[in-house]
Structures are given as C-alpha cells and as structure tokens.
Amino acid sequence: ELRLVNLADALGFSTHLLSKVINKKSGKNFNQFVNDYRLNEAKRLLIDNPDYSIKSIYFDVGFNNKATFYNAFKKEFRCTPSEFRDSMISS
C-alpha cells in the first residue's frame, strides 16, 4: 500500500515537506494525487488492454475493492469502467 510516510522515507524527505510539495505542484493532497494517478493508469489499461479483466486492472493500479474503484472511476470520468471500455471499443 502506498502511504505518504513510506514514500517520504524512500525519498529521504519529511512527510510534511513531501506533502507540501505534492500539494503545491498538483493542488491536491497526497491521497487525491495517488487516486488520480491510479484512475488515469486504470483508464490507460482499459484502452490498451481490451481483454484484460476490470478486476485485474483495479488490483494492478492499487484498488483493493471493486465498489471503491467503480465509485471513484465514475466520479472522475462520469461513467463506469465497463462503459468507458465499451465506448473505446465502439469508436
């Protein structure tokens, strides 16, 4: 699991400094930043790997729960992952 404290330790920063940098550069807190990255990576995988299961995708990008992934994806992209994939296949 990706956590601010683990990333800060790996980079040799304090959690406060890393949090400040992420917020300043992205305008988001750490959790928002990570979720946005995960959702965009899921979107890329849906496009690039049409035969890859959605379950595999949400696990690969770091979501552990289908409902959490679907809710976050729908909130960000205004469609479910399945609807998004279907729209990419039909276009």
PDB file of N, CA and C in Angstrom:
ATOM      1  N   GLU A   1       0.852  -1.189   0.000  1.00  0.00           N
ATOM      2  CA  GLU A   1       0.000   0.000   0.000  1.00  0.00           C
ATOM      3  C   GLU A   1       0.889   1.241   0.000  1.00  0.00           C
ATOM      4  N   LEU A   2       0.554   2.160  -0.855  1.00  0.00           N
ATOM      5  CA  LEU A   2       1.314   3.401  -0.973  1.00  0.00           C
ATOM      6  C   LEU A   2       0.837   4.386   0.090  1.00  0.00           C
ATOM      7  N   ARG A   3       1.759   4.779   0.953  1.00  0.00           N
ATOM      8  CA  ARG A   3       1.436   5.728   2.016  1.00  0.00           C
ATOM      9  C   ARG A   3       2.451   6.855   1.994  1.00  0.00           C
ATOM     10  N   LEU A   4       2.020   8.020   2.407  1.00  0.00           N
ATOM     11  CA  LEU A   4       2.874   9.202   2.413  1.00  0.00           C
ATOM     12  C   LEU A   4       4.151   8.957   3.206  1.00  0.00           C
ATOM     13  N   VAL A   5       4.039   8.363   4.367  1.00  0.00           N
ATOM     14  CA  VAL A   5       5.208   8.147   5.225  1.00  0.00           C
ATOM     15  C   VAL A   5       6.215   7.215   4.543  1.00  0.00           C
ATOM     16  N   ASN A   6       5.738   6.180   3.858  1.00  0.00           N
ATOM     17  CA  ASN A   6       6.638   5.246   3.176  1.00  0.00           C
ATOM     18  C   ASN A   6       7.350   5.918   2.006  1.00  0.00           C
ATOM     19  N   LEU A   7       6.607   6.696   1.237  1.00  0.00           N
ATOM     20  CA  LEU A   7       7.202   7.395   0.101  1.00  0.00           C
ATOM     21  C   LEU A   7       8.209   8.440   0.575  1.00  0.00           C
ATOM     22  N   ALA A   8       7.849   9.173   1.604  1.00  0.00           N
ATOM     23  CA  ALA A   8       8.761  10.185   2.153  1.00  0.00           C
ATOM     24  C   ALA A   8      10.055   9.534   2.636  1.00  0.00           C
ATOM     25  N   ASP A   9       9.940   8.424   3.339  1.00  0.00           N
ATOM     26  CA  ASP A   9      11.133   7.706   3.810  1.00  0.00           C
ATOM     27  C   ASP A   9      11.997   7.247   2.641  1.00  0.00           C
ATOM     28  N   ALA A  10      11.362   6.698   1.606  1.00  0.00           N
ATOM     29  CA  ALA A  10      12.104   6.202   0.443  1.00  0.00           C
ATOM     30  C   ALA A  10      12.836   7.326  -0.285  1.00  0.00           C
ATOM     31  N   LEU A  11      12.245   8.513  -0.283  1.00  0.00           N
ATOM     32  CA  LEU A  11      12.844   9.656  -0.967  1.00  0.00           C
ATOM     33  C   LEU A  11      13.771  10.473  -0.070  1.00  0.00           C
ATOM     34  N   GLY A  12      13.747  10.185   1.221  1.00  0.00           N
ATOM     35  CA  GLY A  12      14.587  10.920   2.159  1.00  0.00           C
ATOM     36  C   GLY A  12      14.033  12.283   2.537  1.00  0.00           C
ATOM     37  N   PHE A  13      12.712  12.446   2.441  1.00  0.00           N
ATOM     38  CA  PHE A  13      12.048  13.696   2.812  1.00  0.00           C
ATOM     39  C   PHE A  13      11.239  13.491   4.081  1.00  0.00           C
ATOM     40  N   SER A  14      10.921  14.588   4.744  1.00  0.00           N
ATOM     41  CA  SER A  14       9.953  14.504   5.834  1.00  0.00           C
ATOM     42  C   SER A  14       8.567  14.391   5.195  1.00  0.00           C
ATOM     43  N   THR A  15       7.629  13.827   5.928  1.00  0.00           N
ATOM     44  CA  THR A  15       6.268  13.718   5.391  1.00  0.00           C
ATOM     45  C   THR A  15       5.678  15.099   5.162  1.00  0.00           C
ATOM     46  N   HIS A  16       6.001  16.027   6.040  1.00  0.00           N
ATOM     47  CA  HIS A  16       5.487  17.390   5.904  1.00  0.00           C
ATOM     48  C   HIS A  16       5.972  18.025   4.606  1.00  0.00           C
ATOM     49  N   LEU A  17       7.262  17.905   4.326  1.00  0.00           N
ATOM     50  CA  LEU A  17       7.819  18.504   3.112  1.00  0.00           C
ATOM     51  C   LEU A  17       7.237  17.849   1.862  1.00  0.00           C
ATOM     52  N   LEU A  18       7.174  16.532   1.836  1.00  0.00           N
ATOM     53  CA  LEU A  18       6.630  15.838   0.669  1.00  0.00           C
ATOM     54  C   LEU A  18       5.173  16.214   0.443  1.00  0.00           C
ATOM     55  N   SER A  19       4.409  16.276   1.505  1.00  0.00           N
ATOM     56  CA  SER A  19       3.007  16.670   1.399  1.00  0.00           C
ATOM     57  C   SER A  19       2.876  18.076   0.829  1.00  0.00           C
ATOM     58  N   LYS A  20       3.717  18.982   1.305  1.00  0.00           N
ATOM     59  CA  LYS A  20       3.707  20.367   0.822  1.00  0.00           C
ATOM     60  C   LYS A  20       4.046  20.449  -0.662  1.00  0.00           C
ATOM     61  N   VAL A  21       5.056  19.708  -1.081  1.00  0.00           N
ATOM     62  CA  VAL A  21       5.480  19.721  -2.487  1.00  0.00           C
ATOM     63  C   VAL A  21       4.369  19.174  -3.385  1.00  0.00           C
ATOM     64  N   ILE A  22       3.779  18.060  -2.997  1.00  0.00           N
ATOM     65  CA  ILE A  22       2.696  17.469  -3.793  1.00  0.00           C
ATOM     66  C   ILE A  22       1.536  18.442  -3.893  1.00  0.00           C
ATOM     67  N   ASN A  23       1.179  19.044  -2.768  1.00  0.00           N
ATOM     68  CA  ASN A  23       0.068  19.989  -2.758  1.00  0.00           C
ATOM     69  C   ASN A  23       0.364  21.200  -3.630  1.00  0.00           C
ATOM     70  N   LYS A  24       1.572  21.717  -3.544  1.00  0.00           N
ATOM     71  CA  LYS A  24       1.935  22.910  -4.314  1.00  0.00           C
ATOM     72  C   LYS A  24       1.966  22.618  -5.813  1.00  0.00           C
ATOM     73  N   LYS A  25       2.531  21.481  -6.195  1.00  0.00           N
ATOM     74  CA  LYS A  25       2.673  21.140  -7.615  1.00  0.00           C
ATOM     75  C   LYS A  25       1.371  20.664  -8.251  1.00  0.00           C
ATOM     76  N   SER A  26       0.549  19.960  -7.484  1.00  0.00           N
ATOM     77  CA  SER A  26      -0.655  19.366  -8.073  1.00  0.00           C
ATOM     78  C   SER A  26      -1.956  20.031  -7.638  1.00  0.00           C
ATOM     79  N   GLY A  27      -1.901  20.780  -6.530  1.00  0.00           N
ATOM     80  CA  GLY A  27      -3.129  21.359  -5.993  1.00  0.00           C
ATOM     81  C   GLY A  27      -4.003  20.331  -5.293  1.00  0.00           C
ATOM     82  N   LYS A  28      -3.414  19.163  -4.997  1.00  0.00           N
ATOM     83  CA  LYS A  28      -4.166  18.075  -4.367  1.00  0.00           C
ATOM     84  C   LYS A  28      -3.404  17.568  -3.154  1.00  0.00           C
ATOM     85  N   ASN A  29      -4.147  16.953  -2.235  1.00  0.00           N
ATOM     86  CA  ASN A  29      -3.450  16.303  -1.134  1.00  0.00           C
ATOM     87  C   ASN A  29      -2.900  14.960  -1.624  1.00  0.00           C
ATOM     88  N   PHE A  30      -2.115  14.306  -0.804  1.00  0.00           N
ATOM     89  CA  PHE A  30      -1.446  13.070  -1.209  1.00  0.00           C
ATOM     90  C   PHE A  30      -2.439  12.012  -1.675  1.00  0.00           C
ATOM     91  N   ASN A  31      -3.502  11.786  -0.907  1.00  0.00           N
ATOM     92  CA  ASN A  31      -4.473  10.750  -1.272  1.00  0.00           C
ATOM     93  C   ASN A  31      -5.166  11.066  -2.590  1.00  0.00           C
ATOM     94  N   GLN A  32      -5.530  12.321  -2.806  1.00  0.00           N
ATOM     95  CA  GLN A  32      -6.141  12.711  -4.078  1.00  0.00           C
ATOM     96  C   GLN A  32      -5.161  12.503  -5.230  1.00  0.00           C
ATOM     97  N   PHE A  33      -3.918  12.887  -5.013  1.00  0.00           N
ATOM     98  CA  PHE A  33      -2.876  12.741  -6.026  1.00  0.00           C
ATOM     99  C   PHE A  33      -2.705  11.271  -6.418  1.00  0.00           C
ATOM    100  N   VAL A  34      -2.621  10.396  -5.434  1.00  0.00           N
ATOM    101  CA  VAL A  34      -2.442   8.965  -5.693  1.00  0.00           C
ATOM    102  C   VAL A  34      -3.672   8.392  -6.389  1.00  0.00           C
ATOM    103  N   ASN A  35      -4.867   8.742  -5.918  1.00  0.00           N
ATOM    104  CA  ASN A  35      -6.073   8.220  -6.557  1.00  0.00           C
ATOM    105  C   ASN A  35      -6.195   8.694  -7.995  1.00  0.00           C
ATOM    106  N   ASP A  36      -5.863   9.946  -8.264  1.00  0.00           N
ATOM    107  CA  ASP A  36      -5.894  10.443  -9.642  1.00  0.00           C
ATOM    108  C   ASP A  36      -4.923   9.662 -10.518  1.00  0.00           C
ATOM    109  N   TYR A  37      -3.738   9.414  -9.996  1.00  0.00           N
ATOM    110  CA  TYR A  37      -2.763   8.622 -10.754  1.00  0.00           C
ATOM    111  C   TYR A  37      -3.312   7.222 -11.029  1.00  0.00           C
ATOM    112  N   ARG A  38      -3.853   6.586 -10.008  1.00  0.00           N
ATOM    113  CA  ARG A  38      -4.393   5.229 -10.161  1.00  0.00           C
ATOM    114  C   ARG A  38      -5.530   5.194 -11.174  1.00  0.00           C
ATOM    115  N   LEU A  39      -6.413   6.171 -11.112  1.00  0.00           N
ATOM    116  CA  LEU A  39      -7.545   6.206 -12.041  1.00  0.00           C
ATOM    117  C   LEU A  39      -7.084   6.437 -13.477  1.00  0.00           C
ATOM    118  N   ASN A  40      -6.127   7.309 -13.667  1.00  0.00           N
ATOM    119  CA  ASN A  40      -5.615   7.543 -15.020  1.00  0.00           C
ATOM    120  C   ASN A  40      -4.855   6.334 -15.553  1.00  0.00           C
ATOM    121  N   GLU A  41      -4.169   5.636 -14.682  1.00  0.00           N
ATOM    122  CA  GLU A  41      -3.496   4.401 -15.091  1.00  0.00           C
ATOM    123  C   GLU A  41      -4.532   3.331 -15.440  1.00  0.00           C
ATOM    124  N   ALA A  42      -5.608   3.242 -14.677  1.00  0.00           N
ATOM    125  CA  ALA A  42      -6.683   2.298 -14.989  1.00  0.00           C
ATOM    126  C   ALA A  42      -7.301   2.628 -16.342  1.00  0.00           C
ATOM    127  N   LYS A  43      -7.516   3.893 -16.594  1.00  0.00           N
ATOM    128  CA  LYS A  43      -8.070   4.334 -17.881  1.00  0.00           C
ATOM    129  C   LYS A  43      -7.141   3.915 -19.025  1.00  0.00           C
ATOM    130  N   ARG A  44      -5.854   4.108 -18.848  1.00  0.00           N
ATOM    131  CA  ARG A  44      -4.888   3.712 -19.878  1.00  0.00           C
ATOM    132  C   ARG A  44      -4.921   2.204 -20.110  1.00  0.00           C
ATOM    133  N   LEU A  45      -4.982   1.437 -19.030  1.00  0.00           N
ATOM    134  CA  LEU A  45      -5.036  -0.019 -19.159  1.00  0.00           C
ATOM    135  C   LEU A  45      -6.318  -0.479 -19.841  1.00  0.00           C
ATOM    136  N   LEU A  46      -7.427   0.182 -19.563  1.00  0.00           N
ATOM    137  CA  LEU A  46      -8.689  -0.163 -20.223  1.00  0.00           C
ATOM    138  C   LEU A  46      -8.595   0.056 -21.731  1.00  0.00           C
ATOM    139  N   ILE A  47      -7.902   1.101 -22.133  1.00  0.00           N
ATOM    140  CA  ILE A  47      -7.741   1.410 -23.559  1.00  0.00           C
ATOM    141  C   ILE A  47      -6.747   0.449 -24.212  1.00  0.00           C
ATOM    142  N   ASP A  48      -5.607   0.258 -23.574  1.00  0.00           N
ATOM    143  CA  ASP A  48      -4.516  -0.508 -24.180  1.00  0.00           C
ATOM    144  C   ASP A  48      -4.691  -2.020 -24.101  1.00  0.00           C
ATOM    145  N   ASN A  49      -5.519  -2.485 -23.185  1.00  0.00           N
ATOM    146  CA  ASN A  49      -5.669  -3.934 -22.957  1.00  0.00           C
ATOM    147  C   ASN A  49      -7.140  -4.325 -22.893  1.00  0.00           C
ATOM    148  N   PRO A  50      -7.828  -4.333 -24.031  1.00  0.00           N
ATOM    149  CA  PRO A  50      -9.270  -4.595 -24.011  1.00  0.00           C
ATOM    150  C   PRO A  50      -9.659  -5.976 -23.474  1.00  0.00           C
ATOM    151  N   ASP A  51      -8.733  -6.927 -23.477  1.00  0.00           N
ATOM    152  CA  ASP A  51      -9.053  -8.267 -22.972  1.00  0.00           C
ATOM    153  C   ASP A  51      -8.692  -8.466 -21.500  1.00  0.00           C
ATOM    154  N   TYR A  52      -8.076  -7.478 -20.903  1.00  0.00           N
ATOM    155  CA  TYR A  52      -7.669  -7.543 -19.503  1.00  0.00           C
ATOM    156  C   TYR A  52      -8.897  -7.318 -18.627  1.00  0.00           C
ATOM    157  N   SER A  53      -9.106  -8.146 -17.634  1.00  0.00           N
ATOM    158  CA  SER A  53     -10.309  -8.004 -16.805  1.00  0.00           C
ATOM    159  C   SER A  53     -10.256  -6.722 -15.973  1.00  0.00           C
ATOM    160  N   ILE A  54     -11.417  -6.176 -15.737  1.00  0.00           N
ATOM    161  CA  ILE A  54     -11.501  -4.958 -14.926  1.00  0.00           C
ATOM    162  C   ILE A  54     -11.022  -5.244 -13.505  1.00  0.00           C
ATOM    163  N   LYS A  55     -11.314  -6.426 -13.009  1.00  0.00           N
ATOM    164  CA  LYS A  55     -10.838  -6.799 -11.670  1.00  0.00           C
ATOM    165  C   LYS A  55      -9.311  -6.773 -11.620  1.00  0.00           C
ATOM    166  N   SER A  56      -8.667  -7.332 -12.630  1.00  0.00           N
ATOM    167  CA  SER A  56      -7.201  -7.309 -12.679  1.00  0.00           C
ATOM    168  C   SER A  56      -6.682  -5.885 -12.736  1.00  0.00           C
ATOM    169  N   ILE A  57      -7.369  -5.046 -13.498  1.00  0.00           N
ATOM    170  CA  ILE A  57      -6.945  -3.652 -13.630  1.00  0.00           C
ATOM    171  C   ILE A  57      -7.031  -2.934 -12.292  1.00  0.00           C
ATOM    172  N   TYR A  58      -8.172  -3.053 -11.606  1.00  0.00           N
ATOM    173  CA  TYR A  58      -8.265  -2.284 -10.358  1.00  0.00           C
ATOM    174  C   TYR A  58      -7.303  -2.799  -9.300  1.00  0.00           C
ATOM    175  N   PHE A  59      -7.011  -4.087  -9.298  1.00  0.00           N
ATOM    176  CA  PHE A  59      -5.988  -4.585  -8.374  1.00  0.00           C
ATOM    177  C   PHE A  59      -4.601  -4.085  -8.772  1.00  0.00           C
ATOM    178  N   ASP A  60      -4.303  -4.122 -10.060  1.00  0.00           N
ATOM    179  CA  ASP A  60      -2.979  -3.700 -10.536  1.00  0.00           C
ATOM    180  C   ASP A  60      -2.680  -2.236 -10.237  1.00  0.00           C
ATOM    181  N   VAL A  61      -3.701  -1.391 -10.274  1.00  0.00           N
ATOM    182  CA  VAL A  61      -3.456   0.037 -10.030  1.00  0.00           C
ATOM    183  C   VAL A  61      -3.560   0.412  -8.555  1.00  0.00           C
ATOM    184  N   GLY A  62      -3.906  -0.556  -7.709  1.00  0.00           N
ATOM    185  CA  GLY A  62      -3.847  -0.295  -6.275  1.00  0.00           C
ATOM    186  C   GLY A  62      -5.162  -0.183  -5.537  1.00  0.00           C
ATOM    187  N   PHE A  63      -6.277  -0.482  -6.213  1.00  0.00           N
ATOM    188  CA  PHE A  63      -7.554  -0.520  -5.504  1.00  0.00           C
ATOM    189  C   PHE A  63      -7.771  -1.944  -5.011  1.00  0.00           C
ATOM    190  N   ASN A  64      -8.270  -2.090  -3.803  1.00  0.00           N
ATOM    191  CA  ASN A  64      -8.493  -3.412  -3.230  1.00  0.00           C
ATOM    192  C   ASN A  64      -9.958  -3.802  -3.205  1.00  0.00           C
ATOM    193  N   ASN A  65     -10.813  -2.898  -3.659  1.00  0.00           N
ATOM    194  CA  ASN A  65     -12.246  -3.109  -3.543  1.00  0.00           C
ATOM    195  C   ASN A  65     -12.934  -2.630  -4.817  1.00  0.00           C
ATOM    196  N   LYS A  66     -13.771  -3.487  -5.387  1.00  0.00           N
ATOM    197  CA  LYS A  66     -14.462  -3.159  -6.640  1.00  0.00           C
ATOM    198  C   LYS A  66     -15.346  -1.929  -6.484  1.00  0.00           C
ATOM    199  N   ALA A  67     -16.116  -1.864  -5.416  1.00  0.00           N
ATOM    200  CA  ALA A  67     -17.048  -0.743  -5.229  1.00  0.00           C
ATOM    201  C   ALA A  67     -16.297   0.579  -5.113  1.00  0.00           C
ATOM    202  N   THR A  68     -15.205   0.585  -4.376  1.00  0.00           N
ATOM    203  CA  THR A  68     -14.407   1.809  -4.234  1.00  0.00           C
ATOM    204  C   THR A  68     -13.860   2.244  -5.583  1.00  0.00           C
ATOM    205  N   PHE A  69     -13.344   1.292  -6.355  1.00  0.00           N
ATOM    206  CA  PHE A  69     -12.816   1.603  -7.684  1.00  0.00           C
ATOM    207  C   PHE A  69     -13.914   2.143  -8.594  1.00  0.00           C
ATOM    208  N   TYR A  70     -15.031   1.446  -8.673  1.00  0.00           N
ATOM    209  CA  TYR A  70     -16.123   1.877  -9.555  1.00  0.00           C
ATOM    210  C   TYR A  70     -16.630   3.263  -9.161  1.00  0.00           C
ATOM    211  N   ASN A  71     -16.814   3.495  -7.875  1.00  0.00           N
ATOM    212  CA  ASN A  71     -17.303   4.807  -7.429  1.00  0.00           C
ATOM    213  C   ASN A  71     -16.316   5.919  -7.770  1.00  0.00           C
ATOM    214  N   ALA A  72     -15.041   5.687  -7.533  1.00  0.00           N
ATOM    215  CA  ALA A  72     -14.024   6.698  -7.842  1.00  0.00           C
ATOM    216  C   ALA A  72     -13.926   6.927  -9.346  1.00  0.00           C
ATOM    217  N   PHE A  73     -13.969   5.855 -10.130  1.00  0.00           N
ATOM    218  CA  PHE A  73     -13.880   5.970 -11.590  1.00  0.00           C
ATOM    219  C   PHE A  73     -15.077   6.750 -12.127  1.00  0.00           C
ATOM    220  N   LYS A  74     -16.259   6.396 -11.655  1.00  0.00           N
ATOM    221  CA  LYS A  74     -17.469   7.077 -12.133  1.00  0.00           C
ATOM    222  C   LYS A  74     -17.474   8.550 -11.728  1.00  0.00           C
ATOM    223  N   LYS A  75     -17.013   8.850 -10.547  1.00  0.00           N
ATOM    224  CA  LYS A  75     -16.952  10.241 -10.095  1.00  0.00           C
ATOM    225  C   LYS A  75     -15.986  11.047 -10.961  1.00  0.00           C
ATOM    226  N   GLU A  76     -14.851  10.445 -11.307  1.00  0.00           N
ATOM    227  CA  GLU A  76     -13.825  11.148 -12.089  1.00  0.00           C
ATOM    228  C   GLU A  76     -14.179  11.253 -13.571  1.00  0.00           C
ATOM    229  N   PHE A  77     -14.696  10.160 -14.151  1.00  0.00           N
ATOM    230  CA  PHE A  77     -14.887  10.113 -15.602  1.00  0.00           C
ATOM    231  C   PHE A  77     -16.353  10.076 -16.044  1.00  0.00           C
ATOM    232  N   ARG A  78     -17.269  10.091 -15.084  1.00  0.00           N
ATOM    233  CA  ARG A  78     -18.715  10.136 -15.343  1.00  0.00           C
ATOM    234  C   ARG A  78     -19.248   8.932 -16.116  1.00  0.00           C
ATOM    235  N   CYS A  79     -18.592   7.808 -15.938  1.00  0.00           N
ATOM    236  CA  CYS A  79     -19.068   6.537 -16.483  1.00  0.00           C
ATOM    237  C   CYS A  79     -18.360   5.422 -15.714  1.00  0.00           C
ATOM    238  N   THR A  80     -18.895   4.226 -15.811  1.00  0.00           N
ATOM    239  CA  THR A  80     -18.239   3.097 -15.158  1.00  0.00           C
ATOM    240  C   THR A  80     -17.059   2.642 -16.014  1.00  0.00           C
ATOM    241  N   PRO A  81     -16.162   1.864 -15.450  1.00  0.00           N
ATOM    242  CA  PRO A  81     -15.064   1.335 -16.263  1.00  0.00           C
ATOM    243  C   PRO A  81     -15.562   0.525 -17.466  1.00  0.00           C
ATOM    244  N   SER A  82     -16.614  -0.253 -17.274  1.00  0.00           N
ATOM    245  CA  SER A  82     -17.181  -1.039 -18.378  1.00  0.00           C
ATOM    246  C   SER A  82     -17.738  -0.137 -19.467  1.00  0.00           C
ATOM    247  N   GLU A  83     -18.457   0.901 -19.069  1.00  0.00           N
ATOM    248  CA  GLU A  83     -18.993   1.848 -20.052  1.00  0.00           C
ATOM    249  C   GLU A  83     -17.860   2.543 -20.801  1.00  0.00           C
ATOM    250  N   PHE A  84     -16.813   2.911 -20.081  1.00  0.00           N
ATOM    251  CA  PHE A  84     -15.668   3.562 -20.719  1.00  0.00           C
ATOM    252  C   PHE A  84     -15.031   2.632 -21.739  1.00  0.00           C
ATOM    253  N   ARG A  85     -14.781   1.392 -21.338  1.00  0.00           N
ATOM    254  CA  ARG A  85     -14.166   0.421 -22.256  1.00  0.00           C
ATOM    255  C   ARG A  85     -15.047   0.207 -23.480  1.00  0.00           C
ATOM    256  N   ASP A  86     -16.342   0.043 -23.266  1.00  0.00           N
ATOM    257  CA  ASP A  86     -17.266  -0.158 -24.393  1.00  0.00           C
ATOM    258  C   ASP A  86     -17.238   1.020 -25.352  1.00  0.00           C
ATOM    259  N   SER A  87     -17.153   2.227 -24.817  1.00  0.00           N
ATOM    260  CA  SER A  87     -17.126   3.412 -25.682  1.00  0.00           C
ATOM    261  C   SER A  87     -15.825   3.479 -26.481  1.00  0.00           C
ATOM    262  N   MET A  88     -14.737   2.972 -25.926  1.00  0.00           N
ATOM    263  CA  MET A  88     -13.460   2.958 -26.649  1.00  0.00           C
ATOM    264  C   MET A  88     -13.470   1.906 -27.755  1.00  0.00           C
ATOM    265  N   ILE A  89     -14.116   0.785 -27.497  1.00  0.00           N
ATOM    266  CA  ILE A  89     -14.184  -0.296 -28.487  1.00  0.00           C
ATOM    267  C   ILE A  89     -15.059   0.112 -29.664  1.00  0.00           C
ATOM    268  N   SER A  90     -16.157   0.810 -29.371  1.00  0.00           N
ATOM    269  CA  SER A  90     -17.098   1.178 -30.435  1.00  0.00           C
ATOM    270  C   SER A  90     -16.661   2.402 -31.230  1.00  0.00           C
ATOM    271  N   SER A  91     -15.619   3.096 -30.784  1.00  0.00           N
ATOM    272  CA  SER A  91     -15.204   4.295 -31.534  1.00  0.00           C
ATOM    273  C   SER A  91     -13.999   4.044 -32.414  1.00  0.00           C
TER     274      SER A  91
END
